[in-house]
Amino acid sequence: MGGKPILDLGLRLGEGSGAAIAAGIIKAAAATHAGMATFADAGVKAQEV
């Protein structure tokens, strides 16, 4: 296909091991994103310019 990988960990163990690690990283990133507070939840007020 000739595309560049989004995540290159330099593993030489085969595609299966890289996919397993990438799935865990993506799952952790999604959980972090879902757990973030909004500006309103965090009490951040709008700044006047």
C-alpha atoms as a PDB file:
ATOM      1  CA  MET A   1       0.000   0.000   0.000  1.00  0.00           C
ATOM      2  CA  GLY A   2       2.943   2.331   0.589  1.00  0.00           C
ATOM      3  CA  GLY A   3       1.350   4.369   3.395  1.00  0.00           C
ATOM      4  CA  LYS A   4       3.175   5.639   6.447  1.00  0.00           C
ATOM      5  CA  PRO A   5       2.119   4.228   9.832  1.00  0.00           C
ATOM      6  CA  ILE A   6       0.362   6.566  12.254  1.00  0.00           C
ATOM      7  CA  LEU A   7       2.122   4.908  15.168  1.00  0.00           C
ATOM      8  CA  ASP A   8       5.603   3.455  14.607  1.00  0.00           C
ATOM      9  CA  LEU A   9       7.039   1.806  17.718  1.00  0.00           C
ATOM     10  CA  GLY A  10       9.882   0.173  15.813  1.00  0.00           C
ATOM     11  CA  LEU A  11       8.771  -3.352  16.750  1.00  0.00           C
ATOM     12  CA  ARG A  12      10.100  -6.256  14.721  1.00  0.00           C
ATOM     13  CA  LEU A  13       7.792  -8.927  16.079  1.00  0.00           C
ATOM     14  CA  GLY A  14       5.142  -8.928  13.370  1.00  0.00           C
ATOM     15  CA  GLU A  15       1.958  -7.008  12.741  1.00  0.00           C
ATOM     16  CA  GLY A  16      -0.048  -8.873  15.371  1.00  0.00           C
ATOM     17  CA  SER A  17       1.996  -7.636  18.324  1.00  0.00           C
ATOM     18  CA  GLY A  18       1.949  -4.052  17.074  1.00  0.00           C
ATOM     19  CA  ALA A  19      -1.826  -4.179  16.597  1.00  0.00           C
ATOM     20  CA  ALA A  20      -2.314  -5.501  20.137  1.00  0.00           C
ATOM     21  CA  ILE A  21      -0.209  -2.694  21.611  1.00  0.00           C
ATOM     22  CA  ALA A  22      -1.870  -0.038  19.426  1.00  0.00           C
ATOM     23  CA  ALA A  23      -5.335  -1.210  20.503  1.00  0.00           C
ATOM     24  CA  GLY A  24      -4.391  -0.670  24.153  1.00  0.00           C
ATOM     25  CA  ILE A  25      -2.967   2.783  23.438  1.00  0.00           C
ATOM     26  CA  ILE A  26      -6.090   3.828  21.514  1.00  0.00           C
ATOM     27  CA  LYS A  27      -8.348   2.472  24.270  1.00  0.00           C
ATOM     28  CA  ALA A  28      -6.411   4.443  26.907  1.00  0.00           C
ATOM     29  CA  ALA A  29      -6.541   7.614  24.807  1.00  0.00           C
ATOM     30  CA  ALA A  30     -10.303   7.259  24.333  1.00  0.00           C
ATOM     31  CA  ALA A  31     -10.820   6.749  28.093  1.00  0.00           C
ATOM     32  CA  THR A  32      -8.701   9.816  28.860  1.00  0.00           C
ATOM     33  CA  HIS A  33     -10.646  11.913  26.362  1.00  0.00           C
ATOM     34  CA  ALA A  34     -14.014  10.713  27.682  1.00  0.00           C
ATOM     35  CA  GLY A  35     -12.996  11.524  31.259  1.00  0.00           C
ATOM     36  CA  MET A  36     -11.950  15.103  30.569  1.00  0.00           C
ATOM     37  CA  ALA A  37     -14.005  17.910  32.031  1.00  0.00           C
ATOM     38  CA  THR A  38     -15.513  20.623  29.890  1.00  0.00           C
ATOM     39  CA  PHE A  39     -14.539  24.241  30.500  1.00  0.00           C
ATOM     40  CA  ALA A  40     -17.853  24.766  32.292  1.00  0.00           C
ATOM     41  CA  ASP A  41     -17.286  21.725  34.517  1.00  0.00           C
ATOM     42  CA  ALA A  42     -13.793  22.928  35.374  1.00  0.00           C
ATOM     43  CA  GLY A  43     -15.063  26.422  36.234  1.00  0.00           C
ATOM     44  CA  VAL A  44     -13.130  28.180  33.471  1.00  0.00           C
ATOM     45  CA  LYS A  45     -14.633  31.564  32.741  1.00  0.00           C
ATOM     46  CA  ALA A  46     -14.612  33.275  29.362  1.00  0.00           C
ATOM     47  CA  GLN A  47     -11.834  35.804  28.926  1.00  0.00           C
ATOM     48  CA  GLU A  48     -12.819  39.204  27.635  1.00  0.00           C
ATOM     49  CA  VAL A  49     -10.562  40.654  24.965  1.00  0.00           C
END
